[in-house]
């Protein structure tokens, strides 16, 4: 399993990132209430051999986090739509005219039309006009998914939303502290067992990845507040959508956390709380979103 790339493709450098960032956007009040966390010292990362050494998950080490606030859930389509209505913001996927969509989210005729496939990730297709409003490209819409996390947002798009909302992206340390929900050293936000008592606790791949989804399950997002929250009140910090963080991750990349609906133990088990992902800051895909954070009140 080590050495396998993350399940999200990177866009070729566009040169658009600075031009499309949210300069001059008026600040609003945060669109959702933020949970106040007292902060403290916790063990960040893991020494487990489940991890990916090249991702820098380990070693487990004590990290101090100051008091901060963080959203209970990822930013939803409804919340992002409010931002766009008030600012007329254009996402990078819209400006560039395409974004990446997992192939089983597309109709067969649309799949047959697309020729560009990212190297090493053949299950991703670059779909013309796919964007946050049209998650699966032409003919799709978010009208029945207002409570799902917004997707097809780049790191720059997420930062622009934060500027408008009077918020910011969480640091990786803040994200992991919050995602652990007070459980020291646990593999998942709820403990060490993936499905305690046989109950699903997150939206990750069901069936054989990447071509054989289980009967009754379709690859895609679920509502941002699906499943039970963790001990700190956060929803879906494992699976559903990758969440952008503020931190850098190597040259030209930004950190992502949490995994997505495409994660599966047979390929990418990065839905563990210690796991790390990354992508270039102008990349977007049908499994990439974000949640907001903020400093503690003075």
Protein backbone atom coordinates (compact mmCIF):
# COMPACT_ATOMS: atom_id res chain seq x y z
CA UNK A 1 0.00 0.00 0.00
CA UNK A 2 2.87 2.41 0.70
CA UNK A 3 3.94 4.43 -2.29
CA UNK A 4 0.46 4.62 -3.82
CA UNK A 5 -0.60 8.15 -4.74
CA UNK A 6 -3.48 9.83 -3.02
CA UNK A 7 -6.82 9.29 -4.70
CA UNK A 8 -7.20 12.90 -5.89
CA UNK A 9 -5.59 14.15 -9.12
CA UNK A 10 -3.64 17.37 -9.48
CA UNK A 11 -4.33 19.97 -12.14
CA UNK A 12 -1.45 21.01 -14.34
CA UNK A 13 -0.13 24.43 -13.31
CA UNK A 14 -2.58 27.02 -14.60
CA UNK A 15 -1.01 30.29 -13.50
CA UNK A 16 -4.52 31.42 -12.52
CA UNK A 17 -4.33 30.95 -8.77
CA UNK A 18 -3.38 34.50 -7.79
CA UNK A 19 -5.69 36.12 -10.29
CA UNK A 20 -8.74 34.23 -9.03
CA UNK A 21 -8.20 34.59 -5.28
CA UNK A 22 -10.77 36.63 -3.40
CA UNK A 23 -9.09 40.03 -3.26
CA UNK A 24 -11.46 42.81 -2.30
CA UNK A 25 -14.28 40.53 -1.13
CA UNK A 26 -16.40 42.06 1.62
CA UNK A 27 -16.37 40.23 4.93
CA UNK A 28 -19.61 38.75 6.30
CA UNK A 29 -20.36 37.02 9.55
CA UNK A 30 -19.44 33.32 9.59
CA UNK A 31 -22.15 31.38 7.77
CA UNK A 32 -22.33 28.70 10.47
CA UNK A 33 -21.67 28.71 14.21
CA UNK A 34 -18.19 27.60 15.19
CA UNK A 35 -17.41 25.16 18.00
CA UNK A 36 -15.07 26.57 20.64
CA UNK A 37 -12.24 24.21 21.59
CA UNK A 38 -10.02 24.97 24.56
CA UNK A 39 -6.88 23.60 22.95
CA UNK A 40 -4.10 21.78 24.76
CA UNK A 41 -1.31 19.31 24.09
CA UNK A 42 -2.09 16.11 22.18
CA UNK A 43 -0.18 13.34 20.41
CA UNK A 44 -0.22 14.22 16.73
CA UNK A 45 0.56 11.67 14.02
CA UNK A 46 1.17 7.95 14.39
CA UNK A 47 3.91 5.37 14.73
CA UNK A 48 1.69 2.68 13.22
CA UNK A 49 2.83 0.84 10.09
CA UNK A 50 -0.64 1.59 8.66
CA UNK A 51 0.67 5.02 7.81
CA UNK A 52 2.49 6.24 4.73
CA UNK A 53 6.07 7.24 5.59
CA UNK A 54 6.25 9.49 2.55
CA UNK A 55 3.24 11.43 3.84
CA UNK A 56 5.04 12.40 7.03
CA UNK A 57 2.41 10.95 9.37
CA UNK A 58 4.96 10.06 12.01
CA UNK A 59 6.48 9.96 14.40
CA UNK A 60 3.74 10.48 16.95
CA UNK A 61 4.77 13.59 18.88
CA UNK A 62 3.27 15.98 21.43
CA UNK A 63 1.89 19.15 19.82
CA UNK A 64 0.42 22.15 21.59
CA UNK A 65 -2.69 23.78 20.11
CA UNK A 66 -3.99 27.10 21.39
CA UNK A 67 -7.71 27.65 21.90
CA UNK A 68 -9.53 28.03 18.58
CA UNK A 69 -12.91 27.64 16.90
CA UNK A 70 -13.86 25.25 14.12
CA UNK A 71 -16.99 24.41 12.14
CA UNK A 72 -18.90 21.29 13.07
CA UNK A 73 -19.18 20.34 9.39
CA UNK A 74 -17.72 21.06 5.98
CA UNK A 75 -19.02 24.10 4.11
CA UNK A 76 -22.18 23.08 2.28
CA UNK A 77 -23.46 23.88 -1.18
CA UNK A 78 -26.06 26.20 0.36
CA UNK A 79 -23.42 28.12 2.30
CA UNK A 80 -21.11 28.39 -0.70
CA UNK A 81 -24.04 29.53 -2.86
CA UNK A 82 -24.68 32.40 -0.42
CA UNK A 83 -21.04 33.43 -0.77
CA UNK A 84 -21.26 33.36 -4.57
CA UNK A 85 -24.56 35.30 -4.61
CA UNK A 86 -23.13 38.07 -2.45
CA UNK A 87 -19.71 38.33 -4.11
CA UNK A 88 -20.17 36.99 -7.68
CA UNK A 89 -17.09 34.90 -7.04
CA UNK A 90 -15.95 32.60 -9.85
CA UNK A 91 -14.18 29.43 -8.78
CA UNK A 92 -11.04 28.25 -10.48
CA UNK A 93 -12.83 25.25 -11.99
CA UNK A 94 -15.35 27.61 -13.58
CA UNK A 95 -12.66 30.00 -14.81
CA UNK A 96 -10.58 27.18 -16.26
CA UNK A 97 -13.58 25.36 -17.71
CA UNK A 98 -13.14 21.89 -16.19
CA UNK A 99 -12.57 19.82 -13.08
CA UNK A 100 -11.89 16.18 -12.20
CA UNK A 101 -14.78 13.74 -11.64
CA UNK A 102 -14.57 10.08 -10.57
CA UNK A 103 -15.57 8.03 -13.60
CA UNK A 104 -18.45 6.09 -11.99
CA UNK A 105 -20.16 9.40 -11.17
CA UNK A 106 -20.59 9.97 -14.90
CA UNK A 107 -22.93 8.48 -17.48
CA UNK A 108 -21.40 6.03 -19.94
CA UNK A 109 -21.90 8.36 -22.94
CA UNK A 110 -20.05 11.15 -21.15
CA UNK A 111 -17.25 8.78 -20.15
CA UNK A 112 -16.87 7.71 -23.76
CA UNK A 113 -16.38 11.32 -24.88
CA UNK A 114 -13.46 12.05 -22.54
CA UNK A 115 -9.92 11.23 -23.55
CA UNK A 116 -7.79 12.97 -20.90
CA UNK A 117 -6.92 10.65 -18.00
CA UNK A 118 -4.41 11.64 -15.28
CA UNK A 119 -1.27 9.51 -15.25
CA UNK A 120 -1.51 6.74 -12.64
CA UNK A 121 -5.12 7.59 -11.73
CA UNK A 122 -7.24 6.17 -14.57
CA UNK A 123 -10.49 6.40 -12.61
CA UNK A 124 -10.44 10.22 -12.82
CA UNK A 125 -11.72 12.11 -15.85
CA UNK A 126 -11.26 15.81 -16.56
CA UNK A 127 -14.79 16.93 -17.33
CA UNK A 128 -15.56 20.14 -19.21
CA UNK A 129 -17.81 22.49 -17.23
CA UNK A 130 -17.75 20.37 -14.06
CA UNK A 131 -17.75 22.75 -11.09
CA UNK A 132 -19.35 23.24 -7.68
CA UNK A 133 -22.77 23.91 -9.26
CA UNK A 134 -22.48 20.99 -11.70
CA UNK A 135 -20.59 18.34 -9.72
CA UNK A 136 -20.81 15.70 -12.46
CA UNK A 137 -20.57 18.11 -15.36
CA UNK A 138 -23.31 19.17 -17.82
CA UNK A 139 -26.77 18.00 -16.82
CA UNK A 140 -25.97 17.64 -13.11
CA UNK A 141 -27.00 20.09 -10.41
CA UNK A 142 -26.84 20.64 -6.65
CA UNK A 143 -30.52 21.52 -6.18
CA UNK A 144 -31.11 18.29 -4.23
CA UNK A 145 -27.77 18.50 -2.44
CA UNK A 146 -27.93 21.83 -0.61
CA UNK A 147 -26.83 20.14 2.64
CA UNK A 148 -23.94 18.23 1.04
CA UNK A 149 -20.41 19.59 1.25
CA UNK A 150 -19.43 21.83 -1.63
CA UNK A 151 -16.88 20.17 -3.94
CA UNK A 152 -14.73 21.22 -6.89
CA UNK A 153 -13.22 24.00 -4.79
CA UNK A 154 -9.50 24.70 -4.91
CA UNK A 155 -7.41 25.81 -1.94
CA UNK A 156 -7.60 29.35 -3.31
CA UNK A 157 -11.40 29.11 -3.57
CA UNK A 158 -11.58 27.93 0.04
CA UNK A 159 -9.39 30.81 1.16
CA UNK A 160 -11.62 33.27 -0.70
CA UNK A 161 -14.69 31.89 1.10
CA UNK A 162 -12.88 32.21 4.43
CA UNK A 163 -12.01 35.84 3.71
CA UNK A 164 -15.67 36.60 3.08
CA UNK A 165 -16.87 34.61 6.09
CA UNK A 166 -14.51 36.21 8.59
CA UNK A 167 -12.83 32.86 9.10
CA UNK A 168 -9.76 30.90 7.94
CA UNK A 169 -8.73 27.37 7.13
CA UNK A 170 -7.64 25.21 10.07
CA UNK A 171 -4.01 24.28 10.51
CA UNK A 172 -3.23 20.59 10.29
CA UNK A 173 -2.61 20.48 14.03
CA UNK A 174 -5.95 22.14 14.76
CA UNK A 175 -7.73 19.85 12.33
CA UNK A 176 -6.27 16.68 13.85
CA UNK A 177 -6.83 17.86 17.42
CA UNK A 178 -10.49 18.52 16.59
CA UNK A 179 -10.90 15.33 14.55
CA UNK A 180 -9.63 13.15 17.39
CA UNK A 181 -12.53 14.31 19.54
CA UNK A 182 -10.55 13.88 22.74
CA UNK A 183 -9.54 10.26 22.05
CA UNK A 184 -5.80 9.88 22.52
CA UNK A 185 -4.09 7.78 19.87
CA UNK A 186 -7.28 6.36 18.33
CA UNK A 187 -7.27 5.30 14.70
CA UNK A 188 -10.61 6.93 13.86
CA UNK A 189 -12.61 9.83 15.33
CA UNK A 190 -14.76 7.33 17.26
CA UNK A 191 -12.13 4.74 18.29
CA UNK A 192 -10.01 1.97 16.79
CA UNK A 193 -12.68 -0.16 15.09
CA UNK A 194 -13.88 0.96 11.66
CA UNK A 195 -17.46 -0.27 12.09
CA UNK A 196 -18.15 -0.78 15.80
CA UNK A 197 -21.07 -3.12 16.29
CA UNK A 198 -21.32 -3.49 12.51
CA UNK A 199 -22.47 0.14 12.11
CA UNK A 200 -21.06 2.39 9.41
CA UNK A 201 -19.66 5.56 10.88
CA UNK A 202 -18.38 7.34 7.78
CA UNK A 203 -18.77 7.66 4.02
CA UNK A 204 -15.88 5.74 2.48
CA UNK A 205 -15.79 3.35 -0.47
CA UNK A 206 -18.06 0.32 -0.13
CA UNK A 207 -17.21 -2.76 -2.21
CA UNK A 208 -14.16 -3.41 -4.39
CA UNK A 209 -12.21 -0.29 -5.30
CA UNK A 210 -12.31 1.24 -7.88
CA UNK A 211 -14.66 -0.65 -10.20
CA UNK A 212 -17.08 -2.64 -8.03
CA UNK A 213 -19.14 -0.52 -5.64
CA UNK A 214 -21.32 -2.52 -3.27
CA UNK A 215 -24.97 -3.01 -4.14
CA UNK A 216 -27.01 -0.06 -2.94
CA UNK A 217 -24.03 2.27 -2.55
CA UNK A 218 -23.00 4.89 -5.10
CA UNK A 219 -19.76 6.87 -5.05
CA UNK A 220 -20.53 10.42 -4.01
CA UNK A 221 -21.04 12.74 -1.09
CA UNK A 222 -23.56 12.45 1.72
CA UNK A 223 -24.93 15.39 3.77
CA UNK A 224 -22.26 17.28 5.67
CA UNK A 225 -23.87 16.30 8.99
CA UNK A 226 -24.48 12.64 8.17
CA UNK A 227 -23.46 10.04 10.78
CA UNK A 228 -22.84 10.78 14.45
CA UNK A 229 -20.41 13.55 15.45
CA UNK A 230 -17.19 12.86 17.30
CA UNK A 231 -16.47 13.80 20.91
CA UNK A 232 -15.86 17.44 20.00
CA UNK A 233 -19.04 17.68 17.92
CA UNK A 234 -17.46 17.45 14.45
CA UNK A 235 -19.16 15.58 11.63
CA UNK A 236 -17.48 13.59 8.85
CA UNK A 237 -13.84 14.14 9.68
CA UNK A 238 -13.32 10.66 8.21
CA UNK A 239 -14.40 10.17 4.61
CA UNK A 240 -16.96 12.09 2.54
CA UNK A 241 -14.65 14.86 1.21
CA UNK A 242 -11.02 15.80 1.57
CA UNK A 243 -10.70 19.03 3.53
CA UNK A 244 -8.15 21.72 2.72
CA UNK A 245 -5.91 22.96 5.52
CA UNK A 246 -3.84 26.11 5.70
CA UNK A 247 -0.48 24.36 5.83
CA UNK A 248 1.91 23.70 3.00
CA UNK A 249 2.83 20.12 2.12
CA UNK A 250 6.07 20.00 0.23
CA UNK A 251 6.91 22.10 -2.79
CA UNK A 252 3.87 23.68 -4.40
CA UNK A 253 1.26 21.68 -2.52
CA UNK A 254 -1.22 22.30 0.30
CA UNK A 255 -2.30 19.85 2.97
CA UNK A 256 -5.64 18.04 2.96
CA UNK A 257 -7.15 15.92 5.72
CA UNK A 258 -9.87 13.36 6.33
CA UNK A 259 -10.01 11.26 3.18
CA UNK A 260 -13.12 10.99 1.02
CA UNK A 261 -15.83 8.69 -0.29
CA UNK A 262 -13.17 7.12 -2.53
CA UNK A 263 -10.91 5.88 0.29
CA UNK A 264 -10.66 2.13 0.81
CA UNK A 265 -8.26 -0.01 2.84
CA UNK A 266 -7.21 -1.90 -0.29
CA UNK A 267 -5.75 1.25 -1.84
CA UNK A 268 -5.81 4.42 0.26
CA UNK A 269 -6.67 4.23 3.95
CA UNK A 270 -6.18 7.94 4.47
CA UNK A 271 -9.50 8.27 6.31
CA UNK A 272 -7.59 7.69 9.59
CA UNK A 273 -7.24 10.79 11.77
CA UNK A 274 -3.43 10.78 11.52
CA UNK A 275 -3.42 10.42 7.73
CA UNK A 276 -2.38 13.27 5.47
CA UNK A 277 -3.13 14.15 1.88
CA UNK A 278 -2.16 17.02 -0.37
CA UNK A 279 -2.73 18.64 -3.72
CA UNK A 280 -1.70 21.69 -5.69
CA UNK A 281 -3.61 24.78 -4.53
CA UNK A 282 -5.41 25.31 -7.84
CA UNK A 283 -6.63 21.70 -8.14
CA UNK A 284 -10.25 20.66 -7.70
CA UNK A 285 -12.22 17.44 -7.87
CA UNK A 286 -15.55 15.87 -7.00
CA UNK A 287 -14.24 14.72 -3.60
CA UNK A 288 -12.53 17.93 -2.38
CA UNK A 289 -14.12 20.40 0.04
CA UNK A 290 -13.22 22.27 3.24
CA UNK A 291 -14.38 23.43 6.66
CA UNK A 292 -13.59 26.74 8.30
CA UNK A 293 -11.90 27.67 11.54
CA UNK A 294 -11.11 30.87 13.46
CA UNK A 295 -9.03 32.11 16.33
CA UNK A 296 -10.55 32.08 19.79
CA UNK A 297 -12.15 35.40 20.76
CA UNK A 298 -9.72 37.84 22.34
